[in-house]
Amino acid sequence: MRLSLIAVGQRMPAWIQQGFGEYAQRLKARLPINLIEVPAVKRGSGDVVRAMEEEGRRLQIGRAHV
């Protein structure tokens, strides 16, 4: 079994990458984990709902590619 973490956003801050790396290292013997980053949608005034819907679609597509 393999665990995939699908997250919205790219170029995460170093502390997030470091934390993910730490847990991935700890889990690799029992449950290998990989990170799939889905690009965030550019948000404008009043477009939050549309942006979240598009990100939801992207998350589902990311899940299909696992």
Protein backbone atom coordinates (compact mmCIF):
# COMPACT_ATOMS: atom_id res chain seq x y z
CA MET A 1 0.00 0.00 0.00
CA ARG A 2 1.14 3.55 -0.75
CA LEU A 3 -0.19 6.80 0.71
CA SER A 4 -0.51 9.89 -1.47
CA LEU A 5 -0.97 13.32 0.05
CA ILE A 6 -2.59 15.64 -2.49
CA ALA A 7 -2.33 19.32 -1.56
CA VAL A 8 -3.26 22.62 -3.19
CA GLY A 9 -0.23 24.84 -3.71
CA GLN A 10 3.26 24.64 -5.07
CA ARG A 11 6.66 25.73 -3.85
CA MET A 12 5.81 25.14 -0.22
CA PRO A 13 7.90 26.91 2.42
CA ALA A 14 11.03 25.10 3.54
CA TRP A 15 9.56 24.21 6.95
CA ILE A 16 6.65 22.37 5.28
CA GLN A 17 8.99 20.49 2.94
CA GLN A 18 11.21 19.60 5.87
CA GLY A 19 8.25 18.34 7.94
CA PHE A 20 6.89 16.28 5.07
CA GLY A 21 10.35 14.84 4.46
CA GLU A 22 10.68 13.89 8.11
CA TYR A 23 7.37 12.01 8.20
CA ALA A 24 7.95 10.41 4.79
CA GLN A 25 11.28 9.09 6.09
CA ARG A 26 9.66 7.72 9.27
CA LEU A 27 6.83 6.04 7.39
CA LYS A 28 8.70 4.67 4.38
CA ALA A 29 9.21 1.18 5.84
CA ARG A 30 5.53 0.70 6.72
CA LEU A 31 3.65 3.05 4.46
CA PRO A 32 5.46 4.80 1.62
CA ILE A 33 4.09 8.30 1.07
CA ASN A 34 4.36 10.71 -1.82
CA LEU A 35 3.27 14.32 -2.21
CA ILE A 36 1.25 15.53 -5.18
CA GLU A 37 1.03 19.32 -5.41
CA VAL A 38 -1.91 20.77 -7.34
CA PRO A 39 -1.50 24.37 -8.52
CA ALA A 40 -3.69 26.88 -6.70
CA VAL A 41 -6.13 28.95 -8.72
CA LYS A 42 -5.50 32.67 -8.86
CA ARG A 43 -8.12 34.34 -6.68
CA GLY A 44 -9.67 37.66 -7.46
CA SER A 45 -12.30 39.71 -5.72
CA GLY A 46 -15.50 37.67 -5.54
CA ASP A 47 -13.96 34.61 -7.24
CA VAL A 48 -13.29 32.56 -4.11
CA VAL A 49 -16.11 30.06 -4.65
CA ARG A 50 -15.14 29.54 -8.31
CA ALA A 51 -11.49 29.14 -7.33
CA MET A 52 -12.31 26.56 -4.67
CA GLU A 53 -14.49 24.60 -7.10
CA GLU A 54 -11.67 24.54 -9.66
CA GLU A 55 -9.15 23.45 -7.01
CA GLY A 56 -11.57 20.68 -6.00
CA ARG A 57 -11.63 19.45 -9.60
CA ARG A 58 -7.83 19.57 -9.71
CA LEU A 59 -7.62 17.55 -6.49
CA GLN A 60 -9.85 14.86 -7.98
CA ILE A 61 -7.75 14.76 -11.14
CA GLY A 62 -4.61 14.48 -8.99
CA ARG A 63 -6.20 11.57 -7.15
CA ALA A 64 -6.91 9.82 -10.44
CA HIS A 65 -3.21 9.97 -11.39
CA VAL A 66 -2.05 8.20 -8.25
